[in-house]
């Protein structure tokens, strides 16, 4: 299940959990209203289920309207057979996701001091509040970290990401990323078409992607 929560106001080490007190957990439904797609591959099939569903189920979002077998699959989880982060190079379920979502481009990024050039500079850049003009998709293969996103009242929500988790952030959402105290993550980056990684630091409200995202939020109020 998703591990997400409202953050405290502390400016201490961003790699700490920063849970608000009292704790304010955030569920998948609330993330969905922000346009965030998060997949934790959890099957709810009962013993003996034949597993012969015709196609993967996906979270019910305004953008994705694929059918879900109600008795077998948690509608908050995909796909029917779990992704395998250890076999991502030949994982048929990952290929189904990429085909369905048109994620035609991919690469692997490892974020740690020993492998990432200009590590300190990049870490600071990732944690600056920003948006992109396209979706940001990450599939965690090793390690862990946090994505922070703004809610409708401009409060920070922290989403914990670990091995086997996939997340899609919509174009126009203000967000940031940080490692946790383990200081290591290896992730697949996916993109529709040729990748454009340009971050636009806040304020960036004049971009059409932001305008459309705000309209989306108004529609889910």
N, C-alpha and C. Protein backbone atom coordinates (compact mmCIF):
# COMPACT_ATOMS: atom_id res chain seq x y z
N UNK A 1 0.84 -1.18 0.00
CA UNK A 1 0.00 0.00 0.00
C UNK A 1 0.88 1.25 0.00
N UNK A 2 0.37 2.31 -0.54
CA UNK A 2 1.13 3.54 -0.63
C UNK A 2 1.50 4.05 0.75
N UNK A 3 2.71 4.56 0.86
CA UNK A 3 3.17 5.23 2.07
C UNK A 3 3.34 6.70 1.72
N UNK A 4 2.37 7.50 2.13
CA UNK A 4 2.41 8.93 1.85
C UNK A 4 1.81 9.67 3.03
N UNK A 5 2.27 10.89 3.26
CA UNK A 5 1.82 11.63 4.43
C UNK A 5 2.06 13.12 4.23
N UNK A 6 1.31 13.93 4.99
CA UNK A 6 1.57 15.37 5.03
C UNK A 6 2.86 15.62 5.80
N UNK A 7 3.60 16.62 5.33
CA UNK A 7 4.90 16.92 5.91
C UNK A 7 4.81 17.97 7.01
N UNK A 8 5.80 17.95 7.88
CA UNK A 8 5.91 19.01 8.88
C UNK A 8 6.54 20.25 8.24
N UNK A 9 6.74 21.27 9.04
CA UNK A 9 7.27 22.54 8.52
C UNK A 9 8.78 22.67 8.76
N UNK A 10 9.41 21.61 9.23
CA UNK A 10 10.82 21.66 9.57
C UNK A 10 11.69 21.87 8.33
N UNK A 11 12.77 22.60 8.52
CA UNK A 11 13.75 22.79 7.44
C UNK A 11 15.00 21.93 7.67
N UNK A 12 14.88 20.95 8.56
CA UNK A 12 16.00 20.04 8.84
C UNK A 12 16.27 19.17 7.61
N UNK A 13 17.27 18.33 7.72
CA UNK A 13 17.72 17.44 6.64
C UNK A 13 16.51 16.90 5.84
N UNK A 14 16.42 17.23 4.56
CA UNK A 14 15.27 16.78 3.75
C UNK A 14 15.19 15.27 3.59
N UNK A 15 16.26 14.56 3.89
CA UNK A 15 16.25 13.11 3.75
C UNK A 15 15.49 12.42 4.88
N UNK A 16 15.17 13.15 5.94
CA UNK A 16 14.37 12.60 7.03
C UNK A 16 12.91 12.49 6.61
N UNK A 17 12.12 11.67 7.28
CA UNK A 17 10.72 11.46 6.85
C UNK A 17 9.85 12.72 6.92
N UNK A 18 10.07 13.58 7.89
CA UNK A 18 9.30 14.83 8.03
C UNK A 18 7.79 14.59 8.06
N UNK A 19 7.35 13.68 8.91
CA UNK A 19 5.93 13.46 9.10
C UNK A 19 5.33 14.55 9.98
N UNK A 20 4.19 15.05 9.56
CA UNK A 20 3.48 16.02 10.39
C UNK A 20 3.03 15.34 11.68
N UNK A 21 2.95 16.11 12.75
CA UNK A 21 2.45 15.60 14.02
C UNK A 21 1.23 16.40 14.44
N UNK A 22 0.10 15.74 14.71
CA UNK A 22 -0.10 14.29 14.60
C UNK A 22 -0.02 13.81 13.15
N UNK A 23 0.21 12.53 13.00
CA UNK A 23 0.39 11.94 11.67
C UNK A 23 -0.84 12.15 10.81
N UNK A 24 -0.63 12.54 9.54
CA UNK A 24 -1.72 12.74 8.58
C UNK A 24 -1.43 11.92 7.33
N UNK A 25 -1.73 10.63 7.35
CA UNK A 25 -1.46 9.79 6.17
C UNK A 25 -2.32 10.19 4.98
N UNK A 26 -1.81 9.90 3.79
CA UNK A 26 -2.50 10.21 2.54
C UNK A 26 -2.68 8.92 1.77
N UNK A 27 -3.88 8.69 1.29
CA UNK A 27 -4.18 7.47 0.55
C UNK A 27 -4.16 7.67 -0.95
N UNK A 28 -4.34 6.57 -1.66
CA UNK A 28 -4.29 6.60 -3.12
C UNK A 28 -5.42 7.42 -3.72
N UNK A 29 -6.57 7.44 -3.08
CA UNK A 29 -7.67 8.23 -3.61
C UNK A 29 -7.30 9.72 -3.65
N UNK A 30 -6.67 10.20 -2.58
CA UNK A 30 -6.30 11.61 -2.56
C UNK A 30 -5.22 11.90 -3.59
N UNK A 31 -4.26 11.00 -3.74
CA UNK A 31 -3.24 11.19 -4.78
C UNK A 31 -3.89 11.22 -6.15
N UNK A 32 -4.89 10.38 -6.36
CA UNK A 32 -5.58 10.35 -7.65
C UNK A 32 -6.21 11.70 -7.97
N UNK A 33 -6.78 12.36 -6.95
CA UNK A 33 -7.41 13.66 -7.20
C UNK A 33 -6.38 14.72 -7.56
N UNK A 34 -5.11 14.44 -7.29
CA UNK A 34 -4.03 15.35 -7.70
C UNK A 34 -3.44 14.95 -9.04
N UNK A 35 -3.95 13.89 -9.64
CA UNK A 35 -3.44 13.42 -10.92
C UNK A 35 -2.23 12.53 -10.82
N UNK A 36 -1.87 12.15 -9.59
CA UNK A 36 -0.68 11.32 -9.37
C UNK A 36 -1.07 9.85 -9.49
N UNK A 37 -0.38 9.12 -10.35
CA UNK A 37 -0.58 7.68 -10.48
C UNK A 37 0.54 6.97 -9.74
N UNK A 38 0.17 6.11 -8.82
CA UNK A 38 1.14 5.38 -8.01
C UNK A 38 0.75 3.92 -8.02
N UNK A 39 1.74 3.06 -8.31
CA UNK A 39 1.44 1.64 -8.39
C UNK A 39 2.26 0.85 -7.40
N UNK A 40 1.57 0.15 -6.52
CA UNK A 40 2.19 -0.83 -5.64
C UNK A 40 1.59 -2.16 -6.03
N UNK A 41 2.38 -3.07 -6.49
CA UNK A 41 1.86 -4.24 -7.17
C UNK A 41 1.32 -5.26 -6.18
N UNK A 42 0.06 -5.09 -5.77
CA UNK A 42 -0.55 -5.94 -4.76
C UNK A 42 -1.76 -6.65 -5.35
N UNK A 43 -1.71 -7.96 -5.42
CA UNK A 43 -2.83 -8.74 -5.90
C UNK A 43 -3.79 -9.06 -4.77
N UNK A 44 -5.10 -8.92 -5.02
CA UNK A 44 -6.11 -9.31 -4.05
C UNK A 44 -6.84 -10.58 -4.50
N UNK A 45 -6.27 -11.30 -5.44
CA UNK A 45 -6.91 -12.52 -5.93
C UNK A 45 -7.04 -13.54 -4.80
N UNK A 46 -8.14 -14.24 -4.80
CA UNK A 46 -8.33 -15.32 -3.84
C UNK A 46 -7.60 -16.56 -4.34
N UNK A 47 -7.30 -17.50 -3.44
CA UNK A 47 -6.64 -18.74 -3.88
C UNK A 47 -7.46 -19.43 -4.96
N UNK A 48 -6.78 -19.90 -5.98
CA UNK A 48 -7.45 -20.59 -7.06
C UNK A 48 -7.93 -19.72 -8.19
N UNK A 49 -7.71 -18.40 -8.08
CA UNK A 49 -8.12 -17.52 -9.17
C UNK A 49 -7.34 -17.90 -10.43
N UNK A 50 -8.02 -18.10 -11.56
CA UNK A 50 -7.33 -18.56 -12.78
C UNK A 50 -6.40 -17.53 -13.37
N UNK A 51 -6.57 -16.25 -13.01
CA UNK A 51 -5.67 -15.22 -13.53
C UNK A 51 -5.76 -15.05 -15.02
N UNK A 52 -6.96 -15.17 -15.57
CA UNK A 52 -7.11 -15.11 -17.02
C UNK A 52 -7.79 -13.82 -17.46
N UNK A 53 -7.61 -12.75 -16.72
CA UNK A 53 -8.22 -11.48 -17.09
C UNK A 53 -7.66 -11.01 -18.43
N UNK A 54 -8.50 -10.36 -19.20
CA UNK A 54 -8.16 -10.07 -20.58
C UNK A 54 -7.11 -9.00 -20.74
N UNK A 55 -7.01 -8.07 -19.77
CA UNK A 55 -6.01 -7.01 -19.88
C UNK A 55 -5.74 -6.43 -18.51
N UNK A 56 -4.59 -5.74 -18.37
CA UNK A 56 -4.24 -5.21 -17.06
C UNK A 56 -5.28 -4.21 -16.57
N UNK A 57 -5.46 -4.17 -15.25
CA UNK A 57 -6.29 -3.14 -14.64
C UNK A 57 -5.40 -1.97 -14.26
N UNK A 58 -5.98 -0.78 -14.24
CA UNK A 58 -5.22 0.42 -13.91
C UNK A 58 -5.98 1.25 -12.90
N UNK A 59 -5.32 2.15 -12.21
CA UNK A 59 -6.05 3.04 -11.31
C UNK A 59 -7.11 3.82 -12.08
N UNK A 60 -8.25 4.04 -11.48
CA UNK A 60 -9.32 4.80 -12.13
C UNK A 60 -9.03 6.28 -12.03
N UNK A 61 -8.61 6.84 -13.11
CA UNK A 61 -8.31 8.26 -13.16
C UNK A 61 -9.06 8.86 -14.33
N UNK A 62 -9.17 10.19 -14.38
CA UNK A 62 -9.84 10.78 -15.54
C UNK A 62 -9.19 10.44 -16.87
N UNK A 63 -7.87 10.13 -16.83
CA UNK A 63 -7.16 9.87 -18.08
C UNK A 63 -7.22 8.39 -18.49
N UNK A 64 -7.45 7.49 -17.52
CA UNK A 64 -7.34 6.06 -17.79
C UNK A 64 -8.66 5.41 -17.42
N UNK A 65 -9.31 4.78 -18.38
CA UNK A 65 -10.62 4.21 -18.10
C UNK A 65 -10.67 2.75 -18.58
N UNK A 66 -9.70 1.97 -18.14
CA UNK A 66 -9.69 0.56 -18.51
C UNK A 66 -10.48 -0.24 -17.47
N UNK A 67 -11.07 -1.38 -17.86
CA UNK A 67 -11.89 -2.15 -16.93
C UNK A 67 -11.06 -2.83 -15.86
N UNK A 68 -11.68 -3.07 -14.71
CA UNK A 68 -11.04 -3.78 -13.61
C UNK A 68 -11.96 -4.88 -13.10
N UNK A 69 -11.50 -6.12 -13.02
CA UNK A 69 -12.32 -7.17 -12.43
C UNK A 69 -12.51 -6.88 -10.94
N UNK A 70 -13.69 -6.52 -10.48
CA UNK A 70 -13.88 -6.04 -9.12
C UNK A 70 -13.59 -7.06 -8.05
N UNK A 71 -13.72 -8.35 -8.35
CA UNK A 71 -13.52 -9.35 -7.31
C UNK A 71 -12.08 -9.80 -7.18
N UNK A 72 -11.24 -9.40 -8.09
CA UNK A 72 -9.89 -9.95 -8.10
C UNK A 72 -8.80 -8.93 -7.84
N UNK A 73 -9.02 -7.67 -8.27
CA UNK A 73 -7.90 -6.75 -8.23
C UNK A 73 -8.26 -5.46 -7.52
N UNK A 74 -7.41 -5.10 -6.61
CA UNK A 74 -7.53 -3.80 -5.96
C UNK A 74 -7.44 -2.73 -7.04
N UNK A 75 -8.45 -1.88 -7.19
CA UNK A 75 -8.45 -0.91 -8.28
C UNK A 75 -7.34 0.10 -8.16
N UNK A 76 -6.66 0.10 -7.01
CA UNK A 76 -5.56 1.03 -6.81
C UNK A 76 -4.22 0.43 -7.22
N UNK A 77 -4.23 -0.78 -7.77
CA UNK A 77 -2.98 -1.49 -8.03
C UNK A 77 -2.95 -2.04 -9.43
N UNK A 78 -1.77 -2.06 -10.03
CA UNK A 78 -1.58 -2.67 -11.33
C UNK A 78 -0.21 -3.32 -11.34
N UNK A 79 0.02 -4.22 -12.30
CA UNK A 79 -0.93 -4.90 -13.17
C UNK A 79 -1.36 -6.20 -12.54
N UNK A 80 -2.16 -7.08 -13.22
CA UNK A 80 -2.57 -8.35 -12.63
C UNK A 80 -1.42 -9.21 -12.18
N UNK A 81 -0.32 -9.19 -12.89
CA UNK A 81 0.88 -9.88 -12.43
C UNK A 81 1.91 -8.82 -12.06
N UNK A 82 2.50 -8.94 -10.87
CA UNK A 82 3.38 -7.87 -10.38
C UNK A 82 4.56 -7.60 -11.31
N UNK A 83 4.96 -6.35 -11.35
CA UNK A 83 6.22 -6.02 -12.00
C UNK A 83 7.36 -6.66 -11.24
N UNK A 84 8.42 -6.98 -11.95
CA UNK A 84 9.59 -7.60 -11.34
C UNK A 84 10.78 -6.68 -11.55
N UNK A 85 11.13 -5.93 -10.51
CA UNK A 85 12.22 -4.96 -10.62
C UNK A 85 13.56 -5.62 -10.88
N UNK A 86 13.67 -6.91 -10.54
CA UNK A 86 14.93 -7.62 -10.78
C UNK A 86 15.07 -8.10 -12.22
N UNK A 87 13.95 -8.09 -12.95
CA UNK A 87 13.98 -8.57 -14.33
C UNK A 87 13.35 -7.54 -15.26
N UNK A 88 13.63 -6.27 -15.00
CA UNK A 88 12.97 -5.21 -15.75
C UNK A 88 13.31 -5.22 -17.24
N UNK A 89 14.45 -5.80 -17.60
CA UNK A 89 14.84 -5.80 -19.01
C UNK A 89 13.96 -6.70 -19.86
N UNK A 90 13.35 -7.71 -19.23
CA UNK A 90 12.51 -8.66 -19.98
C UNK A 90 11.20 -8.92 -19.26
N UNK A 91 10.62 -7.89 -18.69
CA UNK A 91 9.40 -8.05 -17.92
C UNK A 91 8.20 -7.77 -18.82
N UNK A 92 7.38 -8.78 -19.15
CA UNK A 92 6.25 -8.55 -20.05
C UNK A 92 5.21 -7.60 -19.48
N UNK A 93 5.07 -7.56 -18.15
CA UNK A 93 4.09 -6.65 -17.56
C UNK A 93 4.53 -5.20 -17.71
N UNK A 94 5.83 -4.95 -17.58
CA UNK A 94 6.34 -3.60 -17.82
C UNK A 94 6.12 -3.20 -19.27
N UNK A 95 6.32 -4.15 -20.19
CA UNK A 95 6.09 -3.86 -21.60
C UNK A 95 4.64 -3.50 -21.86
N UNK A 96 3.72 -4.15 -21.17
CA UNK A 96 2.30 -3.83 -21.33
C UNK A 96 2.01 -2.40 -20.87
N UNK A 97 2.59 -2.04 -19.74
CA UNK A 97 2.40 -0.68 -19.24
C UNK A 97 2.96 0.33 -20.23
N UNK A 98 4.15 0.07 -20.73
CA UNK A 98 4.78 1.00 -21.67
C UNK A 98 3.94 1.13 -22.94
N UNK A 99 3.40 0.03 -23.42
CA UNK A 99 2.59 0.08 -24.63
C UNK A 99 1.29 0.84 -24.39
N UNK A 100 0.64 0.56 -23.27
CA UNK A 100 -0.64 1.20 -22.97
C UNK A 100 -0.49 2.70 -22.76
N UNK A 101 0.59 3.10 -22.10
CA UNK A 101 0.82 4.51 -21.79
C UNK A 101 1.70 5.22 -22.81
N UNK A 102 2.12 4.49 -23.84
CA UNK A 102 2.97 5.07 -24.90
C UNK A 102 4.32 5.56 -24.37
N UNK A 103 4.88 4.85 -23.40
CA UNK A 103 6.20 5.20 -22.88
C UNK A 103 7.26 4.59 -23.79
N UNK A 104 7.57 5.27 -24.85
CA UNK A 104 8.44 4.72 -25.89
C UNK A 104 9.92 4.83 -25.56
N UNK A 105 10.29 5.73 -24.66
CA UNK A 105 11.71 5.98 -24.35
C UNK A 105 11.98 5.63 -22.90
N UNK A 106 13.15 5.09 -22.65
CA UNK A 106 13.53 4.80 -21.27
C UNK A 106 15.04 4.83 -21.11
N UNK A 107 15.48 5.12 -19.88
CA UNK A 107 16.87 4.92 -19.51
C UNK A 107 16.91 4.65 -18.01
N UNK A 108 18.11 4.39 -17.51
CA UNK A 108 18.30 4.09 -16.09
C UNK A 108 19.19 5.16 -15.48
N UNK A 109 18.78 5.69 -14.34
CA UNK A 109 19.59 6.66 -13.62
C UNK A 109 19.89 6.13 -12.22
N UNK A 110 21.14 6.25 -11.82
CA UNK A 110 21.55 5.88 -10.47
C UNK A 110 21.98 7.14 -9.74
N UNK A 111 21.34 7.40 -8.63
CA UNK A 111 21.62 8.61 -7.86
C UNK A 111 22.32 8.22 -6.57
N UNK A 112 23.62 8.42 -6.57
CA UNK A 112 24.42 8.25 -5.37
C UNK A 112 25.74 9.00 -5.59
N UNK A 113 26.42 9.26 -4.54
CA UNK A 113 27.61 10.12 -4.60
C UNK A 113 28.70 9.52 -5.50
N UNK A 114 28.78 8.21 -5.56
CA UNK A 114 29.87 7.56 -6.30
C UNK A 114 29.64 7.49 -7.81
N UNK A 115 28.40 7.66 -8.26
CA UNK A 115 28.12 7.43 -9.67
C UNK A 115 27.56 8.64 -10.41
N UNK A 116 26.93 9.57 -9.71
CA UNK A 116 26.27 10.69 -10.38
C UNK A 116 27.20 11.89 -10.46
N UNK A 117 27.57 12.31 -11.66
CA UNK A 117 28.43 13.50 -11.79
C UNK A 117 27.73 14.73 -11.18
N UNK A 118 28.55 15.60 -10.57
CA UNK A 118 28.02 16.81 -9.94
C UNK A 118 26.90 16.47 -8.94
N UNK A 119 27.17 15.47 -8.13
CA UNK A 119 26.16 14.91 -7.23
C UNK A 119 25.49 15.97 -6.35
N UNK A 120 26.28 16.77 -5.63
CA UNK A 120 25.70 17.75 -4.71
C UNK A 120 24.83 18.76 -5.45
N UNK A 121 25.30 19.21 -6.60
CA UNK A 121 24.55 20.17 -7.40
C UNK A 121 23.23 19.56 -7.88
N UNK A 122 23.29 18.30 -8.34
CA UNK A 122 22.08 17.64 -8.83
C UNK A 122 21.07 17.41 -7.71
N UNK A 123 21.55 17.02 -6.53
CA UNK A 123 20.65 16.79 -5.41
C UNK A 123 19.90 18.07 -5.04
N UNK A 124 20.61 19.18 -5.03
CA UNK A 124 19.97 20.47 -4.74
C UNK A 124 18.95 20.83 -5.82
N UNK A 125 19.29 20.55 -7.07
CA UNK A 125 18.40 20.86 -8.18
C UNK A 125 17.12 20.02 -8.09
N UNK A 126 17.27 18.72 -7.79
CA UNK A 126 16.11 17.85 -7.68
C UNK A 126 15.15 18.32 -6.59
N UNK A 127 15.70 18.93 -5.53
CA UNK A 127 14.87 19.31 -4.39
C UNK A 127 14.29 20.71 -4.52
N UNK A 128 14.66 21.43 -5.55
CA UNK A 128 14.03 22.72 -5.80
C UNK A 128 12.60 22.48 -6.31
N UNK A 129 11.65 23.21 -5.77
CA UNK A 129 10.26 23.05 -6.21
C UNK A 129 10.14 23.48 -7.67
N UNK A 130 9.58 22.60 -8.49
CA UNK A 130 9.53 22.87 -9.92
C UNK A 130 8.39 22.10 -10.56
N UNK A 131 8.19 22.33 -11.84
CA UNK A 131 7.25 21.55 -12.63
C UNK A 131 7.89 21.20 -13.95
N UNK A 132 7.26 20.28 -14.68
CA UNK A 132 7.66 19.92 -16.03
C UNK A 132 6.48 20.11 -16.96
N UNK A 133 6.76 20.22 -18.24
CA UNK A 133 5.71 20.39 -19.23
C UNK A 133 5.18 19.05 -19.74
N UNK A 134 5.77 17.96 -19.25
CA UNK A 134 5.33 16.61 -19.59
C UNK A 134 5.27 15.78 -18.32
N UNK A 135 4.68 14.60 -18.43
CA UNK A 135 4.65 13.69 -17.29
C UNK A 135 6.06 13.34 -16.84
N UNK A 136 6.20 13.06 -15.55
CA UNK A 136 7.45 12.52 -15.02
C UNK A 136 7.14 11.12 -14.51
N UNK A 137 7.83 10.12 -15.06
CA UNK A 137 7.57 8.73 -14.71
C UNK A 137 8.83 8.10 -14.16
N UNK A 138 8.71 7.47 -12.99
CA UNK A 138 9.85 6.79 -12.38
C UNK A 138 9.42 5.42 -11.86
N UNK A 139 10.29 4.44 -12.14
CA UNK A 139 10.09 3.08 -11.66
C UNK A 139 11.34 2.71 -10.85
N UNK A 140 11.17 2.46 -9.55
CA UNK A 140 12.31 2.24 -8.67
C UNK A 140 12.79 0.80 -8.78
N UNK A 141 14.05 0.65 -9.16
CA UNK A 141 14.65 -0.67 -9.33
C UNK A 141 15.46 -1.10 -8.12
N UNK A 142 16.08 -0.14 -7.46
CA UNK A 142 16.84 -0.40 -6.24
C UNK A 142 16.81 0.86 -5.38
N UNK A 143 16.98 0.68 -4.08
CA UNK A 143 17.07 1.83 -3.20
C UNK A 143 15.72 2.47 -2.92
N UNK A 144 15.76 3.73 -2.51
CA UNK A 144 14.53 4.41 -2.09
C UNK A 144 14.73 5.92 -2.07
N UNK A 145 13.62 6.63 -1.98
CA UNK A 145 13.67 8.09 -1.93
C UNK A 145 12.27 8.63 -1.74
N UNK A 146 12.13 9.96 -1.86
CA UNK A 146 10.84 10.61 -1.65
C UNK A 146 10.51 11.55 -2.80
N UNK A 147 9.28 11.48 -3.29
CA UNK A 147 8.71 12.53 -4.12
C UNK A 147 7.77 13.35 -3.25
N UNK A 148 7.90 14.66 -3.29
CA UNK A 148 6.99 15.57 -2.60
C UNK A 148 6.14 16.29 -3.63
N UNK A 149 4.83 16.34 -3.39
CA UNK A 149 3.92 17.03 -4.30
C UNK A 149 3.03 17.98 -3.51
N UNK A 150 2.56 19.02 -4.15
CA UNK A 150 1.65 19.98 -3.52
C UNK A 150 0.21 19.49 -3.64
N UNK A 151 -0.55 19.67 -2.56
CA UNK A 151 -1.97 19.34 -2.64
C UNK A 151 -2.75 20.57 -3.11
N UNK A 152 -4.07 20.50 -3.07
CA UNK A 152 -4.91 21.59 -3.59
C UNK A 152 -4.81 22.85 -2.74
N UNK A 153 -4.40 22.69 -1.47
CA UNK A 153 -4.23 23.84 -0.59
C UNK A 153 -2.76 24.27 -0.50
N UNK A 154 -1.94 23.74 -1.40
CA UNK A 154 -0.53 24.10 -1.49
C UNK A 154 0.30 23.54 -0.33
N UNK A 155 -0.18 22.48 0.30
CA UNK A 155 0.57 21.81 1.35
C UNK A 155 1.38 20.66 0.75
N UNK A 156 2.52 20.39 1.39
CA UNK A 156 3.38 19.32 0.89
C UNK A 156 2.88 17.95 1.34
N UNK A 157 2.82 17.02 0.38
CA UNK A 157 2.60 15.61 0.64
C UNK A 157 3.86 14.86 0.24
N UNK A 158 4.35 14.01 1.12
CA UNK A 158 5.55 13.21 0.83
C UNK A 158 5.15 11.79 0.46
N UNK A 159 5.68 11.29 -0.66
CA UNK A 159 5.38 9.95 -1.14
C UNK A 159 6.67 9.13 -1.07
N UNK A 160 6.64 8.08 -0.28
CA UNK A 160 7.80 7.21 -0.13
C UNK A 160 7.87 6.24 -1.30
N UNK A 161 9.04 6.16 -1.93
CA UNK A 161 9.24 5.29 -3.07
C UNK A 161 10.35 4.30 -2.77
N UNK A 162 10.08 3.02 -3.03
CA UNK A 162 11.08 1.99 -2.82
C UNK A 162 11.03 1.00 -3.97
N UNK A 163 11.89 -0.01 -3.91
CA UNK A 163 12.02 -0.98 -4.99
C UNK A 163 10.66 -1.56 -5.37
N UNK A 164 10.36 -1.53 -6.68
CA UNK A 164 9.12 -2.08 -7.20
C UNK A 164 8.00 -1.08 -7.35
N UNK A 165 8.19 0.15 -6.89
CA UNK A 165 7.17 1.19 -6.99
C UNK A 165 7.33 1.98 -8.28
N UNK A 166 6.20 2.34 -8.87
CA UNK A 166 6.20 3.20 -10.05
C UNK A 166 5.28 4.38 -9.79
N UNK A 167 5.69 5.55 -10.25
CA UNK A 167 4.89 6.75 -10.06
C UNK A 167 4.89 7.56 -11.35
N UNK A 168 3.75 8.18 -11.63
CA UNK A 168 3.64 9.14 -12.72
C UNK A 168 3.12 10.45 -12.15
N UNK A 169 3.88 11.51 -12.32
CA UNK A 169 3.45 12.85 -11.91
C UNK A 169 2.95 13.58 -13.15
N UNK A 170 1.78 14.20 -13.06
CA UNK A 170 1.23 14.88 -14.24
C UNK A 170 2.01 16.13 -14.60
N UNK A 171 1.97 16.49 -15.86
CA UNK A 171 2.55 17.76 -16.29
C UNK A 171 1.89 18.90 -15.52
N UNK A 172 2.71 19.85 -15.08
CA UNK A 172 2.18 21.03 -14.42
C UNK A 172 2.10 20.97 -12.92
N UNK A 173 2.35 19.82 -12.30
CA UNK A 173 2.28 19.72 -10.85
C UNK A 173 3.60 20.20 -10.24
N UNK A 174 3.52 21.00 -9.18
CA UNK A 174 4.72 21.40 -8.46
C UNK A 174 5.17 20.24 -7.58
N UNK A 175 6.45 19.93 -7.66
CA UNK A 175 6.97 18.77 -6.95
C UNK A 175 8.48 18.92 -6.74
N UNK A 176 9.05 17.94 -6.06
CA UNK A 176 10.50 17.87 -5.85
C UNK A 176 10.86 16.44 -5.46
N UNK A 177 12.15 16.13 -5.47
CA UNK A 177 12.61 14.78 -5.14
C UNK A 177 13.83 14.86 -4.24
N UNK A 178 13.93 13.90 -3.33
CA UNK A 178 15.13 13.77 -2.52
C UNK A 178 15.39 12.30 -2.20
N UNK A 179 16.63 11.97 -2.02
CA UNK A 179 16.97 10.67 -1.47
C UNK A 179 16.54 10.62 -0.01
N UNK A 180 16.47 9.41 0.54
CA UNK A 180 16.28 9.28 1.98
C UNK A 180 17.65 9.07 2.62
N UNK A 181 17.68 8.63 3.86
CA UNK A 181 18.95 8.52 4.58
C UNK A 181 19.87 7.42 4.06
N UNK A 182 19.36 6.56 3.17
CA UNK A 182 20.21 5.53 2.58
C UNK A 182 21.08 6.09 1.45
N UNK A 183 20.72 7.27 0.94
CA UNK A 183 21.53 7.97 -0.07
C UNK A 183 21.77 7.17 -1.34
N UNK A 184 20.76 6.41 -1.75
CA UNK A 184 20.94 5.62 -2.97
C UNK A 184 19.60 5.28 -3.59
N UNK A 185 19.49 5.48 -4.89
CA UNK A 185 18.35 4.97 -5.64
C UNK A 185 18.77 4.72 -7.08
N UNK A 186 18.23 3.65 -7.63
CA UNK A 186 18.40 3.33 -9.04
C UNK A 186 17.00 3.27 -9.63
N UNK A 187 16.74 4.06 -10.66
CA UNK A 187 15.39 4.18 -11.18
C UNK A 187 15.37 4.17 -12.70
N UNK A 188 14.29 3.65 -13.24
CA UNK A 188 14.02 3.74 -14.67
C UNK A 188 13.25 5.02 -14.93
N UNK A 189 13.69 5.78 -15.92
CA UNK A 189 12.97 6.97 -16.35
C UNK A 189 12.28 6.63 -17.66
N UNK A 190 11.00 6.91 -17.72
CA UNK A 190 10.19 6.62 -18.91
C UNK A 190 9.65 7.92 -19.47
N UNK A 191 9.41 7.92 -20.78
CA UNK A 191 8.97 9.16 -21.42
C UNK A 191 8.18 8.83 -22.68
N UNK A 192 7.24 9.69 -22.99
CA UNK A 192 6.50 9.58 -24.25
C UNK A 192 7.25 10.37 -25.31
N UNK A 193 7.84 9.69 -26.29
CA UNK A 193 8.64 10.37 -27.29
C UNK A 193 10.03 10.71 -26.78
N UNK A 194 10.66 11.69 -27.40
CA UNK A 194 12.00 12.11 -27.00
C UNK A 194 11.93 12.83 -25.65
N UNK A 195 12.83 12.50 -24.73
CA UNK A 195 12.75 13.08 -23.38
C UNK A 195 13.14 14.55 -23.34
N UNK A 196 12.43 15.28 -22.50
CA UNK A 196 12.74 16.68 -22.21
C UNK A 196 12.73 16.81 -20.70
N UNK A 197 13.90 17.05 -20.11
CA UNK A 197 14.02 17.02 -18.65
C UNK A 197 13.97 18.42 -18.02
N UNK A 198 13.69 19.43 -18.81
CA UNK A 198 13.79 20.80 -18.31
C UNK A 198 12.86 21.04 -17.12
N UNK A 199 13.43 21.43 -15.94
CA UNK A 199 12.59 21.81 -14.80
C UNK A 199 12.35 23.31 -14.83
N UNK A 200 11.15 23.72 -14.50
CA UNK A 200 10.81 25.13 -14.39
C UNK A 200 10.48 25.42 -12.93
N UNK A 201 11.40 26.11 -12.26
CA UNK A 201 11.24 26.36 -10.84
C UNK A 201 10.07 27.31 -10.58
N UNK A 202 9.45 27.12 -9.46
CA UNK A 202 8.34 27.97 -9.06
C UNK A 202 8.82 29.39 -8.80
N UNK A 203 8.11 30.41 -9.27
CA UNK A 203 6.81 30.39 -9.92
C UNK A 203 6.90 30.09 -11.42
N UNK A 204 5.98 29.26 -11.89
CA UNK A 204 5.93 28.91 -13.32
C UNK A 204 4.47 28.77 -13.74
N UNK A 205 3.63 29.63 -13.20
CA UNK A 205 2.18 29.51 -13.42
C UNK A 205 1.74 29.91 -14.82
N UNK A 206 2.63 30.54 -15.58
CA UNK A 206 2.24 31.03 -16.89
C UNK A 206 2.27 29.94 -17.97
N UNK A 207 2.89 28.80 -17.68
CA UNK A 207 2.97 27.74 -18.67
C UNK A 207 1.61 27.09 -18.88
N UNK A 208 1.33 26.71 -20.12
CA UNK A 208 0.05 26.10 -20.43
C UNK A 208 -0.16 24.81 -19.65
N UNK A 209 0.92 24.06 -19.44
CA UNK A 209 0.80 22.81 -18.67
C UNK A 209 0.30 23.09 -17.26
N UNK A 210 0.75 24.19 -16.66
CA UNK A 210 0.30 24.55 -15.33
C UNK A 210 -1.16 25.00 -15.35
N UNK A 211 -1.51 25.79 -16.35
CA UNK A 211 -2.90 26.26 -16.47
C UNK A 211 -3.85 25.08 -16.60
N UNK A 212 -3.48 24.11 -17.43
CA UNK A 212 -4.32 22.94 -17.62
C UNK A 212 -4.39 22.10 -16.36
N UNK A 213 -3.27 22.01 -15.63
CA UNK A 213 -3.28 21.23 -14.40
C UNK A 213 -4.19 21.87 -13.35
N UNK A 214 -4.13 23.18 -13.23
CA UNK A 214 -5.00 23.87 -12.28
C UNK A 214 -6.47 23.62 -12.62
N UNK A 215 -6.79 23.63 -13.91
CA UNK A 215 -8.16 23.32 -14.33
C UNK A 215 -8.54 21.90 -13.94
N UNK A 216 -7.61 20.98 -14.08
CA UNK A 216 -7.85 19.60 -13.66
C UNK A 216 -8.18 19.54 -12.18
N UNK A 217 -7.39 20.26 -11.35
CA UNK A 217 -7.65 20.28 -9.90
C UNK A 217 -9.04 20.83 -9.61
N UNK A 218 -9.43 21.86 -10.31
CA UNK A 218 -10.76 22.43 -10.10
C UNK A 218 -11.85 21.43 -10.43
N UNK A 219 -11.58 20.59 -11.41
CA UNK A 219 -12.57 19.60 -11.81
C UNK A 219 -12.68 18.43 -10.86
N UNK A 220 -11.68 18.24 -10.00
CA UNK A 220 -11.72 17.14 -9.03
C UNK A 220 -12.06 17.62 -7.64
N UNK A 221 -12.42 18.90 -7.51
CA UNK A 221 -12.73 19.46 -6.18
C UNK A 221 -14.00 18.82 -5.62
